[in-house]
N, C-alpha and C. Protein backbone atom coordinates (compact mmCIF):
# COMPACT_ATOMS: atom_id res chain seq x y z
N MET A 1 9.25 -9.55 -16.26
CA MET A 1 8.96 -8.49 -15.29
C MET A 1 9.70 -8.78 -13.98
N ALA A 2 10.41 -7.79 -13.48
CA ALA A 2 11.19 -7.97 -12.25
C ALA A 2 10.27 -8.14 -11.04
N ARG A 3 10.71 -8.96 -10.12
CA ARG A 3 9.95 -9.16 -8.89
C ARG A 3 10.01 -7.88 -8.06
N PRO A 4 8.89 -7.45 -7.48
CA PRO A 4 8.91 -6.25 -6.64
C PRO A 4 9.85 -6.43 -5.45
N SER A 5 10.38 -5.35 -4.95
CA SER A 5 11.25 -5.40 -3.78
C SER A 5 10.43 -5.73 -2.53
N LYS A 6 11.12 -6.23 -1.53
CA LYS A 6 10.45 -6.52 -0.26
C LYS A 6 9.84 -5.25 0.33
N LYS A 7 10.54 -4.15 0.17
CA LYS A 7 10.02 -2.87 0.68
C LYS A 7 8.72 -2.51 0.00
N ALA A 8 8.64 -2.73 -1.30
CA ALA A 8 7.42 -2.43 -2.05
C ALA A 8 6.28 -3.37 -1.66
N ILE A 9 6.61 -4.63 -1.42
CA ILE A 9 5.60 -5.61 -1.01
C ILE A 9 5.03 -5.24 0.35
N VAL A 10 5.89 -4.89 1.28
CA VAL A 10 5.44 -4.49 2.62
C VAL A 10 4.58 -3.24 2.55
N ALA A 11 4.99 -2.28 1.74
CA ALA A 11 4.21 -1.04 1.58
C ALA A 11 2.83 -1.35 1.03
N ALA A 12 2.77 -2.26 0.06
CA ALA A 12 1.48 -2.65 -0.52
C ALA A 12 0.59 -3.34 0.52
N LEU A 13 1.19 -4.21 1.30
CA LEU A 13 0.44 -4.89 2.36
C LEU A 13 -0.18 -3.89 3.33
N LEU A 14 0.64 -2.96 3.80
CA LEU A 14 0.16 -1.99 4.77
C LEU A 14 -0.89 -1.06 4.17
N ASP A 15 -0.69 -0.67 2.92
CA ASP A 15 -1.64 0.23 2.26
C ASP A 15 -2.97 -0.45 1.99
N GLU A 16 -2.91 -1.70 1.55
CA GLU A 16 -4.12 -2.40 1.12
C GLU A 16 -4.86 -3.11 2.26
N LYS A 17 -4.09 -3.66 3.20
CA LYS A 17 -4.71 -4.55 4.20
C LYS A 17 -4.26 -4.28 5.64
N GLY A 18 -3.53 -3.21 5.86
CA GLY A 18 -2.90 -3.01 7.15
C GLY A 18 -3.76 -2.47 8.27
N ARG A 19 -4.89 -3.07 8.47
CA ARG A 19 -5.76 -2.71 9.59
C ARG A 19 -5.90 -3.93 10.50
N THR A 20 -5.61 -3.76 11.76
CA THR A 20 -5.70 -4.91 12.66
C THR A 20 -7.16 -5.32 12.83
N PHE A 21 -7.36 -6.56 13.20
CA PHE A 21 -8.71 -7.06 13.43
C PHE A 21 -9.31 -6.40 14.67
N ALA A 22 -8.47 -6.12 15.65
CA ALA A 22 -8.96 -5.43 16.85
C ALA A 22 -9.48 -4.04 16.48
N ALA A 23 -8.72 -3.32 15.66
CA ALA A 23 -9.15 -1.98 15.25
C ALA A 23 -10.45 -2.04 14.48
N GLU A 24 -10.60 -3.04 13.62
CA GLU A 24 -11.85 -3.19 12.86
C GLU A 24 -13.04 -3.38 13.79
N ALA A 25 -12.81 -4.07 14.90
CA ALA A 25 -13.88 -4.32 15.87
C ALA A 25 -14.07 -3.17 16.86
N GLY A 26 -13.24 -2.13 16.73
CA GLY A 26 -13.34 -1.00 17.65
C GLY A 26 -12.68 -1.25 18.99
N ILE A 27 -11.76 -2.22 19.01
CA ILE A 27 -11.06 -2.58 20.25
C ILE A 27 -9.72 -1.85 20.28
N LYS A 28 -9.48 -1.10 21.35
CA LYS A 28 -8.25 -0.34 21.48
C LYS A 28 -7.30 -1.09 22.42
N VAL A 29 -6.54 -1.99 21.82
CA VAL A 29 -5.67 -2.87 22.60
C VAL A 29 -4.67 -2.07 23.42
N GLU A 30 -4.17 -0.97 22.85
CA GLU A 30 -3.15 -0.18 23.52
C GLU A 30 -3.61 0.40 24.85
N LYS A 31 -4.93 0.50 25.05
CA LYS A 31 -5.45 1.01 26.32
C LYS A 31 -5.25 0.00 27.45
N ASN A 32 -5.19 -1.29 27.10
CA ASN A 32 -4.92 -2.37 28.06
C ASN A 32 -5.88 -2.31 29.26
N THR A 33 -7.15 -2.07 28.98
CA THR A 33 -8.16 -2.02 30.04
C THR A 33 -8.93 -3.33 30.07
N PRO A 34 -9.59 -3.64 31.21
CA PRO A 34 -10.34 -4.90 31.29
C PRO A 34 -11.38 -5.05 30.18
N SER A 35 -12.06 -3.97 29.83
CA SER A 35 -13.10 -4.05 28.81
C SER A 35 -12.52 -4.37 27.44
N HIS A 36 -11.50 -3.65 27.02
CA HIS A 36 -10.93 -3.88 25.70
C HIS A 36 -10.27 -5.25 25.61
N LEU A 37 -9.64 -5.69 26.67
CA LEU A 37 -9.03 -7.02 26.67
C LEU A 37 -10.09 -8.12 26.62
N PHE A 38 -11.18 -7.93 27.33
CA PHE A 38 -12.26 -8.91 27.29
C PHE A 38 -12.87 -8.99 25.90
N ARG A 39 -13.07 -7.84 25.28
CA ARG A 39 -13.62 -7.83 23.93
C ARG A 39 -12.68 -8.55 22.94
N LEU A 40 -11.38 -8.39 23.14
CA LEU A 40 -10.43 -9.10 22.29
C LEU A 40 -10.48 -10.60 22.54
N LEU A 41 -10.68 -10.99 23.78
CA LEU A 41 -10.83 -12.41 24.10
C LEU A 41 -12.04 -12.99 23.37
N CYS A 42 -13.15 -12.26 23.39
CA CYS A 42 -14.36 -12.72 22.69
C CYS A 42 -14.12 -12.81 21.19
N LEU A 43 -13.47 -11.79 20.63
CA LEU A 43 -13.17 -11.80 19.19
C LEU A 43 -12.31 -13.00 18.84
N SER A 44 -11.31 -13.28 19.67
CA SER A 44 -10.42 -14.42 19.41
C SER A 44 -11.17 -15.73 19.47
N LEU A 45 -12.07 -15.85 20.43
CA LEU A 45 -12.88 -17.06 20.54
C LEU A 45 -13.76 -17.23 19.30
N LEU A 46 -14.38 -16.13 18.87
CA LEU A 46 -15.27 -16.18 17.71
C LEU A 46 -14.51 -16.51 16.43
N GLN A 47 -13.35 -15.88 16.25
CA GLN A 47 -12.60 -16.06 15.00
C GLN A 47 -11.88 -17.40 14.94
N SER A 48 -11.74 -18.07 16.05
CA SER A 48 -11.04 -19.36 16.04
C SER A 48 -11.97 -20.51 15.67
N ALA A 49 -13.27 -20.24 15.65
CA ALA A 49 -14.24 -21.28 15.31
C ALA A 49 -14.32 -21.46 13.79
N ARG A 50 -15.01 -22.51 13.37
CA ARG A 50 -15.14 -22.80 11.93
C ARG A 50 -16.25 -21.94 11.34
N ILE A 51 -16.01 -20.64 11.39
CA ILE A 51 -16.97 -19.66 10.92
C ILE A 51 -16.22 -18.66 10.05
N ASP A 52 -16.86 -18.16 9.00
CA ASP A 52 -16.25 -17.15 8.16
C ASP A 52 -15.79 -15.97 9.01
N SER A 53 -14.60 -15.45 8.72
CA SER A 53 -14.02 -14.38 9.52
C SER A 53 -14.93 -13.15 9.57
N ASP A 54 -15.58 -12.84 8.46
CA ASP A 54 -16.47 -11.66 8.43
C ASP A 54 -17.68 -11.85 9.33
N ILE A 55 -18.19 -13.07 9.41
CA ILE A 55 -19.32 -13.35 10.29
C ILE A 55 -18.89 -13.25 11.75
N ALA A 56 -17.69 -13.77 12.06
CA ALA A 56 -17.17 -13.67 13.42
C ALA A 56 -16.98 -12.20 13.82
N MET A 57 -16.50 -11.39 12.88
CA MET A 57 -16.32 -9.97 13.16
C MET A 57 -17.67 -9.29 13.40
N ALA A 58 -18.66 -9.63 12.60
CA ALA A 58 -19.99 -9.05 12.78
C ALA A 58 -20.57 -9.44 14.13
N ALA A 59 -20.30 -10.66 14.56
CA ALA A 59 -20.78 -11.11 15.87
C ALA A 59 -20.11 -10.33 17.00
N ALA A 60 -18.80 -10.12 16.88
CA ALA A 60 -18.07 -9.36 17.90
C ALA A 60 -18.61 -7.94 18.00
N LYS A 61 -18.89 -7.33 16.85
CA LYS A 61 -19.46 -5.97 16.86
C LYS A 61 -20.86 -5.98 17.46
N GLY A 62 -21.63 -7.02 17.16
CA GLY A 62 -22.98 -7.12 17.71
C GLY A 62 -22.98 -7.24 19.22
N LEU A 63 -22.04 -8.00 19.76
CA LEU A 63 -21.93 -8.11 21.23
C LEU A 63 -21.62 -6.76 21.85
N ALA A 64 -20.74 -6.01 21.21
CA ALA A 64 -20.37 -4.69 21.73
C ALA A 64 -21.54 -3.72 21.65
N GLU A 65 -22.32 -3.81 20.58
CA GLU A 65 -23.47 -2.93 20.42
C GLU A 65 -24.50 -3.15 21.52
N ARG A 66 -24.55 -4.39 22.06
CA ARG A 66 -25.46 -4.68 23.18
C ARG A 66 -24.86 -4.28 24.52
N LYS A 67 -23.68 -3.67 24.47
CA LYS A 67 -22.99 -3.21 25.68
C LYS A 67 -22.46 -4.36 26.53
N TRP A 68 -22.27 -5.53 25.93
CA TRP A 68 -21.67 -6.65 26.65
C TRP A 68 -20.16 -6.58 26.49
N THR A 69 -19.58 -5.52 27.00
CA THR A 69 -18.16 -5.24 26.78
C THR A 69 -17.30 -5.56 28.00
N THR A 70 -17.90 -6.12 29.02
CA THR A 70 -17.14 -6.60 30.17
C THR A 70 -17.58 -8.04 30.46
N ALA A 71 -16.76 -8.74 31.20
CA ALA A 71 -17.10 -10.12 31.52
C ALA A 71 -18.39 -10.19 32.33
N GLN A 72 -18.57 -9.27 33.26
CA GLN A 72 -19.78 -9.29 34.08
C GLN A 72 -21.02 -9.01 33.24
N ALA A 73 -20.91 -8.07 32.30
CA ALA A 73 -22.05 -7.77 31.43
C ALA A 73 -22.42 -8.99 30.59
N MET A 74 -21.42 -9.73 30.13
CA MET A 74 -21.70 -10.94 29.35
C MET A 74 -22.38 -11.98 30.21
N VAL A 75 -21.92 -12.14 31.44
CA VAL A 75 -22.55 -13.10 32.36
C VAL A 75 -24.00 -12.72 32.60
N ASP A 76 -24.26 -11.43 32.70
CA ASP A 76 -25.62 -10.95 33.00
C ASP A 76 -26.57 -11.04 31.81
N SER A 77 -26.03 -11.22 30.59
CA SER A 77 -26.90 -11.38 29.43
C SER A 77 -27.52 -12.77 29.46
N THR A 78 -28.60 -12.95 28.70
CA THR A 78 -29.23 -14.27 28.65
C THR A 78 -28.71 -15.07 27.47
N TRP A 79 -28.85 -16.37 27.58
CA TRP A 79 -28.41 -17.25 26.50
C TRP A 79 -29.15 -16.92 25.21
N LYS A 80 -30.46 -16.70 25.30
CA LYS A 80 -31.24 -16.39 24.10
C LYS A 80 -30.81 -15.07 23.47
N GLN A 81 -30.49 -14.09 24.30
CA GLN A 81 -30.01 -12.81 23.76
C GLN A 81 -28.73 -13.01 22.96
N ARG A 82 -27.83 -13.82 23.48
CA ARG A 82 -26.57 -14.06 22.78
C ARG A 82 -26.80 -14.84 21.49
N VAL A 83 -27.68 -15.83 21.54
CA VAL A 83 -28.00 -16.59 20.33
C VAL A 83 -28.58 -15.67 19.27
N ASP A 84 -29.43 -14.74 19.67
CA ASP A 84 -30.04 -13.81 18.72
C ASP A 84 -28.98 -12.95 18.03
N VAL A 85 -28.01 -12.48 18.80
CA VAL A 85 -26.94 -11.66 18.23
C VAL A 85 -26.14 -12.47 17.22
N LEU A 86 -25.82 -13.70 17.57
CA LEU A 86 -25.05 -14.56 16.67
C LEU A 86 -25.84 -14.85 15.38
N ASN A 87 -27.13 -15.08 15.52
CA ASN A 87 -27.96 -15.31 14.34
C ASN A 87 -28.00 -14.07 13.45
N GLU A 88 -28.12 -12.91 14.06
CA GLU A 88 -28.14 -11.66 13.30
C GLU A 88 -26.83 -11.44 12.54
N ALA A 89 -25.74 -11.94 13.10
CA ALA A 89 -24.42 -11.80 12.46
C ALA A 89 -24.25 -12.75 11.28
N GLY A 90 -25.13 -13.74 11.19
CA GLY A 90 -25.04 -14.66 10.06
C GLY A 90 -24.70 -16.09 10.43
N TYR A 91 -24.68 -16.39 11.73
CA TYR A 91 -24.40 -17.77 12.14
C TYR A 91 -25.54 -18.68 11.67
N ALA A 92 -25.19 -19.74 11.01
CA ALA A 92 -26.17 -20.75 10.62
C ALA A 92 -25.93 -22.04 11.40
N ARG A 93 -24.74 -22.13 12.00
CA ARG A 93 -24.38 -23.28 12.82
C ARG A 93 -23.58 -22.79 14.01
N TYR A 94 -23.51 -23.59 15.03
CA TYR A 94 -22.66 -23.35 16.21
C TYR A 94 -23.13 -22.19 17.10
N GLN A 95 -24.24 -21.49 16.73
CA GLN A 95 -24.60 -20.32 17.51
C GLN A 95 -24.99 -20.68 18.95
N GLU A 96 -25.64 -21.82 19.13
CA GLU A 96 -26.06 -22.19 20.48
C GLU A 96 -24.85 -22.56 21.34
N ARG A 97 -23.94 -23.33 20.77
CA ARG A 97 -22.73 -23.71 21.51
C ARG A 97 -21.86 -22.48 21.78
N THR A 98 -21.76 -21.60 20.79
CA THR A 98 -20.94 -20.39 20.96
C THR A 98 -21.52 -19.48 22.03
N ALA A 99 -22.84 -19.36 22.07
CA ALA A 99 -23.49 -18.54 23.09
C ALA A 99 -23.16 -19.06 24.49
N THR A 100 -23.10 -20.37 24.62
CA THR A 100 -22.75 -20.97 25.92
C THR A 100 -21.29 -20.74 26.24
N MET A 101 -20.41 -20.89 25.26
CA MET A 101 -18.98 -20.68 25.49
C MET A 101 -18.66 -19.25 25.90
N LEU A 102 -19.36 -18.29 25.32
CA LEU A 102 -19.14 -16.89 25.69
C LEU A 102 -19.46 -16.67 27.16
N GLU A 103 -20.55 -17.24 27.62
CA GLU A 103 -20.89 -17.09 29.04
C GLU A 103 -19.89 -17.84 29.93
N ASP A 104 -19.54 -19.06 29.53
CA ASP A 104 -18.60 -19.84 30.34
C ASP A 104 -17.26 -19.12 30.48
N SER A 105 -16.79 -18.55 29.38
CA SER A 105 -15.51 -17.83 29.41
C SER A 105 -15.60 -16.58 30.27
N ALA A 106 -16.70 -15.85 30.12
CA ALA A 106 -16.88 -14.64 30.93
C ALA A 106 -16.97 -14.98 32.41
N ARG A 107 -17.67 -16.05 32.72
CA ARG A 107 -17.84 -16.44 34.13
C ARG A 107 -16.49 -16.86 34.74
N LEU A 108 -15.70 -17.59 33.97
CA LEU A 108 -14.38 -17.97 34.45
C LEU A 108 -13.53 -16.74 34.71
N LEU A 109 -13.59 -15.77 33.81
CA LEU A 109 -12.80 -14.55 33.97
C LEU A 109 -13.23 -13.78 35.21
N VAL A 110 -14.52 -13.72 35.45
CA VAL A 110 -15.03 -13.04 36.64
C VAL A 110 -14.62 -13.78 37.90
N ASP A 111 -14.82 -15.08 37.91
CA ASP A 111 -14.58 -15.87 39.12
C ASP A 111 -13.11 -15.99 39.47
N ARG A 112 -12.27 -16.11 38.46
CA ARG A 112 -10.84 -16.39 38.74
C ARG A 112 -9.97 -15.14 38.71
N TRP A 113 -10.32 -14.17 37.83
CA TRP A 113 -9.46 -13.00 37.69
C TRP A 113 -10.22 -11.68 37.83
N ASN A 114 -11.37 -11.76 38.49
CA ASN A 114 -12.17 -10.57 38.76
C ASN A 114 -12.49 -9.78 37.48
N GLY A 115 -12.67 -10.50 36.39
CA GLY A 115 -13.05 -9.88 35.13
C GLY A 115 -11.94 -9.14 34.42
N ASP A 116 -10.70 -9.36 34.83
CA ASP A 116 -9.58 -8.54 34.34
C ASP A 116 -8.44 -9.44 33.83
N LEU A 117 -8.24 -9.45 32.53
CA LEU A 117 -7.18 -10.28 31.96
C LEU A 117 -5.78 -9.81 32.34
N ARG A 118 -5.67 -8.60 32.82
CA ARG A 118 -4.37 -8.14 33.31
C ARG A 118 -3.94 -8.96 34.52
N ARG A 119 -4.90 -9.43 35.29
CA ARG A 119 -4.59 -10.28 36.44
C ARG A 119 -4.07 -11.64 35.98
N LEU A 120 -4.64 -12.16 34.89
CA LEU A 120 -4.12 -13.40 34.31
C LEU A 120 -2.68 -13.18 33.88
N ARG A 121 -2.42 -12.05 33.25
CA ARG A 121 -1.07 -11.73 32.77
C ARG A 121 -0.08 -11.70 33.92
N GLU A 122 -0.49 -11.09 35.02
CA GLU A 122 0.41 -10.99 36.18
C GLU A 122 0.58 -12.35 36.85
N GLN A 123 -0.48 -13.15 36.89
CA GLN A 123 -0.35 -14.50 37.45
C GLN A 123 0.66 -15.31 36.66
N ALA A 124 0.71 -15.07 35.36
CA ALA A 124 1.65 -15.78 34.49
C ALA A 124 3.04 -15.16 34.52
N ASP A 125 3.22 -14.11 35.32
CA ASP A 125 4.51 -13.40 35.39
C ASP A 125 4.96 -12.91 34.02
N ARG A 126 3.97 -12.58 33.20
CA ARG A 126 4.23 -12.07 31.85
C ARG A 126 5.08 -13.01 31.01
N ASP A 127 4.92 -14.29 31.28
CA ASP A 127 5.62 -15.31 30.50
C ASP A 127 4.67 -15.85 29.43
N PRO A 128 5.00 -15.74 28.15
CA PRO A 128 4.09 -16.15 27.08
C PRO A 128 3.59 -17.58 27.20
N ALA A 129 4.47 -18.51 27.57
CA ALA A 129 4.05 -19.90 27.68
C ALA A 129 3.02 -20.07 28.80
N ALA A 130 3.24 -19.39 29.91
CA ALA A 130 2.30 -19.46 31.02
C ALA A 130 0.99 -18.76 30.67
N GLU A 131 1.08 -17.65 29.95
CA GLU A 131 -0.13 -16.95 29.50
C GLU A 131 -0.95 -17.85 28.59
N ARG A 132 -0.27 -18.57 27.71
CA ARG A 132 -0.98 -19.49 26.81
C ARG A 132 -1.71 -20.57 27.59
N ARG A 133 -1.03 -21.14 28.58
CA ARG A 133 -1.66 -22.20 29.38
C ARG A 133 -2.90 -21.69 30.08
N LEU A 134 -2.83 -20.50 30.64
CA LEU A 134 -3.98 -19.95 31.36
C LEU A 134 -5.11 -19.57 30.40
N LEU A 135 -4.77 -19.00 29.26
CA LEU A 135 -5.81 -18.61 28.30
C LEU A 135 -6.55 -19.83 27.76
N LYS A 136 -5.88 -20.96 27.66
CA LYS A 136 -6.51 -22.17 27.14
C LYS A 136 -7.50 -22.78 28.14
N LYS A 137 -7.58 -22.21 29.33
CA LYS A 137 -8.60 -22.64 30.28
C LYS A 137 -9.98 -22.12 29.89
N PHE A 138 -10.02 -21.09 29.03
CA PHE A 138 -11.31 -20.59 28.57
C PHE A 138 -11.90 -21.57 27.56
N LYS A 139 -13.13 -21.98 27.80
CA LYS A 139 -13.78 -22.97 26.96
C LYS A 139 -13.87 -22.47 25.52
N GLY A 140 -13.42 -23.27 24.60
CA GLY A 140 -13.48 -22.91 23.19
C GLY A 140 -12.25 -22.18 22.68
N LEU A 141 -11.31 -21.90 23.57
CA LEU A 141 -10.10 -21.19 23.15
C LEU A 141 -8.92 -22.15 23.19
N GLY A 142 -8.60 -22.68 22.02
CA GLY A 142 -7.44 -23.56 21.90
C GLY A 142 -6.24 -22.78 21.40
N ASP A 143 -5.28 -23.48 20.85
CA ASP A 143 -4.06 -22.82 20.40
C ASP A 143 -4.33 -21.80 19.29
N VAL A 144 -5.26 -22.12 18.38
CA VAL A 144 -5.58 -21.18 17.31
C VAL A 144 -6.15 -19.88 17.89
N GLY A 145 -7.07 -20.02 18.84
CA GLY A 145 -7.65 -18.83 19.47
C GLY A 145 -6.63 -18.02 20.24
N VAL A 146 -5.73 -18.71 20.94
CA VAL A 146 -4.68 -18.00 21.67
C VAL A 146 -3.75 -17.29 20.69
N ASP A 147 -3.46 -17.93 19.57
CA ASP A 147 -2.62 -17.30 18.55
C ASP A 147 -3.26 -15.99 18.07
N ILE A 148 -4.56 -16.01 17.84
CA ILE A 148 -5.26 -14.81 17.42
C ILE A 148 -5.17 -13.73 18.49
N PHE A 149 -5.37 -14.12 19.73
CA PHE A 149 -5.28 -13.17 20.84
C PHE A 149 -3.88 -12.59 20.94
N PHE A 150 -2.87 -13.45 20.90
CA PHE A 150 -1.47 -13.00 20.98
C PHE A 150 -1.13 -12.05 19.83
N ARG A 151 -1.60 -12.41 18.64
CA ARG A 151 -1.29 -11.63 17.44
C ARG A 151 -1.72 -10.17 17.61
N GLU A 152 -2.86 -9.96 18.26
CA GLU A 152 -3.40 -8.61 18.42
C GLU A 152 -2.94 -7.95 19.72
N VAL A 153 -2.89 -8.70 20.81
CA VAL A 153 -2.63 -8.10 22.11
C VAL A 153 -1.17 -7.71 22.29
N GLN A 154 -0.29 -8.21 21.41
CA GLN A 154 1.12 -7.83 21.55
C GLN A 154 1.32 -6.33 21.39
N ALA A 155 0.34 -5.62 20.85
CA ALA A 155 0.42 -4.16 20.77
C ALA A 155 0.43 -3.53 22.15
N GLY A 156 -0.06 -4.27 23.15
CA GLY A 156 -0.06 -3.76 24.52
C GLY A 156 0.74 -4.61 25.49
N TRP A 157 0.95 -5.89 25.14
CA TRP A 157 1.70 -6.81 26.00
C TRP A 157 3.06 -7.05 25.35
N ASP A 158 4.03 -6.27 25.77
CA ASP A 158 5.34 -6.26 25.11
C ASP A 158 6.06 -7.60 25.14
N GLU A 159 5.76 -8.43 26.15
CA GLU A 159 6.48 -9.69 26.27
C GLU A 159 6.19 -10.63 25.09
N LEU A 160 5.13 -10.37 24.35
CA LEU A 160 4.76 -11.24 23.23
C LEU A 160 5.42 -10.84 21.91
N TYR A 161 5.91 -9.62 21.84
CA TYR A 161 6.52 -9.12 20.59
C TYR A 161 7.89 -9.76 20.36
N PRO A 162 8.19 -10.20 19.13
CA PRO A 162 7.32 -10.22 17.95
C PRO A 162 6.61 -11.57 17.83
N PHE A 163 5.30 -11.51 17.58
CA PHE A 163 4.53 -12.75 17.44
C PHE A 163 3.79 -12.73 16.11
N ALA A 164 3.84 -13.85 15.41
CA ALA A 164 3.06 -14.04 14.19
C ALA A 164 2.62 -15.50 14.15
N ASP A 165 1.36 -15.73 13.85
CA ASP A 165 0.87 -17.10 13.82
C ASP A 165 1.21 -17.78 12.49
N ARG A 166 0.88 -19.06 12.40
CA ARG A 166 1.24 -19.84 11.21
C ARG A 166 0.59 -19.30 9.94
N ARG A 167 -0.64 -18.79 10.08
CA ARG A 167 -1.32 -18.25 8.90
C ARG A 167 -0.56 -17.05 8.36
N ALA A 168 -0.14 -16.16 9.23
CA ALA A 168 0.60 -14.97 8.81
C ALA A 168 1.95 -15.35 8.23
N LEU A 169 2.63 -16.30 8.86
CA LEU A 169 3.95 -16.68 8.40
C LEU A 169 3.90 -17.42 7.07
N GLY A 170 2.85 -18.22 6.87
CA GLY A 170 2.69 -18.88 5.58
C GLY A 170 2.50 -17.87 4.47
N SER A 171 1.73 -16.84 4.75
CA SER A 171 1.50 -15.76 3.79
C SER A 171 2.81 -15.01 3.52
N ALA A 172 3.57 -14.75 4.57
CA ALA A 172 4.85 -14.04 4.42
C ALA A 172 5.81 -14.82 3.54
N GLU A 173 5.86 -16.13 3.73
CA GLU A 173 6.74 -16.95 2.91
C GLU A 173 6.34 -16.89 1.43
N ARG A 174 5.06 -16.94 1.18
CA ARG A 174 4.59 -16.89 -0.21
C ARG A 174 4.97 -15.57 -0.88
N LEU A 175 5.05 -14.51 -0.08
CA LEU A 175 5.38 -13.19 -0.61
C LEU A 175 6.88 -12.89 -0.56
N GLY A 176 7.66 -13.86 -0.07
CA GLY A 176 9.10 -13.69 -0.05
C GLY A 176 9.62 -12.82 1.07
N LEU A 177 8.86 -12.74 2.18
CA LEU A 177 9.25 -11.87 3.30
C LEU A 177 9.88 -12.63 4.45
N GLY A 178 10.12 -13.92 4.27
CA GLY A 178 10.70 -14.71 5.35
C GLY A 178 9.66 -15.55 6.04
N GLY A 179 10.11 -16.44 6.90
CA GLY A 179 9.20 -17.39 7.52
C GLY A 179 9.19 -17.37 9.03
N SER A 180 9.68 -16.28 9.63
CA SER A 180 9.68 -16.19 11.09
C SER A 180 9.31 -14.78 11.52
N PRO A 181 8.84 -14.63 12.76
CA PRO A 181 8.53 -13.29 13.27
C PRO A 181 9.75 -12.36 13.20
N LYS A 182 10.92 -12.91 13.51
CA LYS A 182 12.13 -12.09 13.45
C LYS A 182 12.38 -11.57 12.04
N ASP A 183 12.11 -12.41 11.04
CA ASP A 183 12.27 -11.95 9.66
C ASP A 183 11.38 -10.74 9.39
N LEU A 184 10.15 -10.78 9.89
CA LEU A 184 9.21 -9.69 9.64
C LEU A 184 9.63 -8.40 10.32
N THR A 185 10.31 -8.51 11.46
CA THR A 185 10.74 -7.28 12.17
C THR A 185 11.76 -6.50 11.36
N ARG A 186 12.40 -7.15 10.42
CA ARG A 186 13.41 -6.46 9.61
C ARG A 186 12.78 -5.51 8.59
N HIS A 187 11.48 -5.69 8.36
CA HIS A 187 10.82 -4.92 7.30
C HIS A 187 10.05 -3.70 7.81
N VAL A 188 9.71 -3.69 9.09
CA VAL A 188 8.87 -2.60 9.63
C VAL A 188 9.32 -2.21 11.03
N SER A 189 8.85 -1.05 11.45
CA SER A 189 9.08 -0.61 12.82
C SER A 189 8.20 -1.44 13.76
N LYS A 190 8.46 -1.36 15.04
CA LYS A 190 7.64 -2.08 16.01
C LYS A 190 6.19 -1.62 15.93
N LYS A 191 5.98 -0.35 15.68
CA LYS A 191 4.62 0.20 15.59
C LYS A 191 3.84 -0.43 14.45
N ASP A 192 4.51 -0.72 13.34
CA ASP A 192 3.83 -1.26 12.17
C ASP A 192 3.83 -2.78 12.11
N PHE A 193 4.43 -3.42 13.10
CA PHE A 193 4.53 -4.88 13.06
C PHE A 193 3.17 -5.55 13.12
N VAL A 194 2.33 -5.15 14.08
CA VAL A 194 1.01 -5.79 14.22
C VAL A 194 0.14 -5.55 12.99
N PRO A 195 0.09 -4.31 12.44
CA PRO A 195 -0.64 -4.12 11.19
C PRO A 195 -0.12 -4.98 10.04
N LEU A 196 1.20 -5.18 9.98
CA LEU A 196 1.76 -6.02 8.93
C LEU A 196 1.30 -7.46 9.10
N VAL A 197 1.34 -7.97 10.31
CA VAL A 197 0.91 -9.35 10.57
C VAL A 197 -0.58 -9.50 10.23
N ALA A 198 -1.38 -8.51 10.61
CA ALA A 198 -2.80 -8.56 10.28
C ALA A 198 -3.02 -8.55 8.78
N ALA A 199 -2.23 -7.74 8.07
CA ALA A 199 -2.34 -7.67 6.62
C ALA A 199 -2.02 -9.02 5.99
N LEU A 200 -1.00 -9.67 6.49
CA LEU A 200 -0.63 -10.98 5.96
C LEU A 200 -1.75 -12.00 6.18
N VAL A 201 -2.39 -11.94 7.33
CA VAL A 201 -3.52 -12.84 7.60
C VAL A 201 -4.68 -12.54 6.66
N ARG A 202 -4.98 -11.27 6.49
CA ARG A 202 -6.09 -10.89 5.60
C ARG A 202 -5.84 -11.37 4.16
N VAL A 203 -4.61 -11.23 3.70
CA VAL A 203 -4.27 -11.67 2.36
C VAL A 203 -4.41 -13.19 2.25
N GLU A 204 -4.00 -13.89 3.29
CA GLU A 204 -4.12 -15.35 3.30
C GLU A 204 -5.58 -15.78 3.26
N LEU A 205 -6.41 -15.13 4.07
CA LEU A 205 -7.83 -15.48 4.13
C LEU A 205 -8.52 -15.25 2.79
N ALA A 206 -8.12 -14.17 2.11
CA ALA A 206 -8.77 -13.81 0.84
C ALA A 206 -8.08 -14.42 -0.38
N GLY A 207 -6.90 -15.03 -0.16
CA GLY A 207 -6.16 -15.58 -1.29
C GLY A 207 -5.73 -14.52 -2.28
N GLU A 208 -5.26 -13.38 -1.76
CA GLU A 208 -4.96 -12.24 -2.62
C GLU A 208 -3.46 -11.93 -2.74
N HIS A 209 -2.65 -12.94 -2.66
CA HIS A 209 -1.21 -12.75 -2.77
C HIS A 209 -0.82 -12.12 -4.11
N ASP A 210 -1.44 -12.60 -5.19
CA ASP A 210 -1.12 -12.06 -6.51
C ASP A 210 -1.50 -10.58 -6.61
N LEU A 211 -2.60 -10.20 -6.00
CA LEU A 211 -3.03 -8.80 -6.04
C LEU A 211 -2.03 -7.91 -5.30
N ILE A 212 -1.49 -8.40 -4.21
CA ILE A 212 -0.48 -7.64 -3.47
C ILE A 212 0.77 -7.48 -4.30
N MET A 213 1.18 -8.55 -4.98
CA MET A 213 2.36 -8.48 -5.84
C MET A 213 2.15 -7.49 -6.98
N GLU A 214 0.93 -7.46 -7.52
CA GLU A 214 0.63 -6.51 -8.59
C GLU A 214 0.68 -5.08 -8.07
N ALA A 215 0.11 -4.87 -6.87
CA ALA A 215 0.12 -3.53 -6.27
C ALA A 215 1.55 -3.08 -5.96
N ALA A 216 2.38 -4.04 -5.55
CA ALA A 216 3.78 -3.72 -5.23
C ALA A 216 4.58 -3.40 -6.48
N GLY A 217 4.18 -4.00 -7.60
CA GLY A 217 4.93 -3.81 -8.83
C GLY A 217 4.60 -2.52 -9.56
């Protein structure tokens, strides 16, 4: 049986898995507003922990349902309220530490950047390396968390395009699509780049490379 074409593989990825994690959480990155950026920061923090991705997503949605969609609103919530939301999402471990990190991160954002990540971006002069250094000041957000944030926020922060983290690139290599962000840009338009990267991550998380190849064939 002939190997599917790269075009067919990309089409299968977008059809089967091409929904960004931000979109799944109801975050509209393209709006580039303080609220949506803060929600993405929280999602990135949650997904970078040693927690199942679906549980982290449920937690992010739970925080939004409580209307904690700005840094100030998160600061104003209580520790117990946050722990309860995390427990409801399925956290069996780390919920107490995560509840504290959410407040610490929100408080830093309020105190240093007036609750607006766009101010962090401008302080960094829209330089990705400087943005990474500043984002890592948020407690619990290391390189993995920043990678998650970059992967999604590039839809609104053009200086980051094209960005793909190691998980996405490893998946791309397994599917024969290349091993660099530049390689991936050859397969899709700029508009479809972030959905493609998200699809590659989803396939990696689920171990569904063979299913994508079957769909492409």
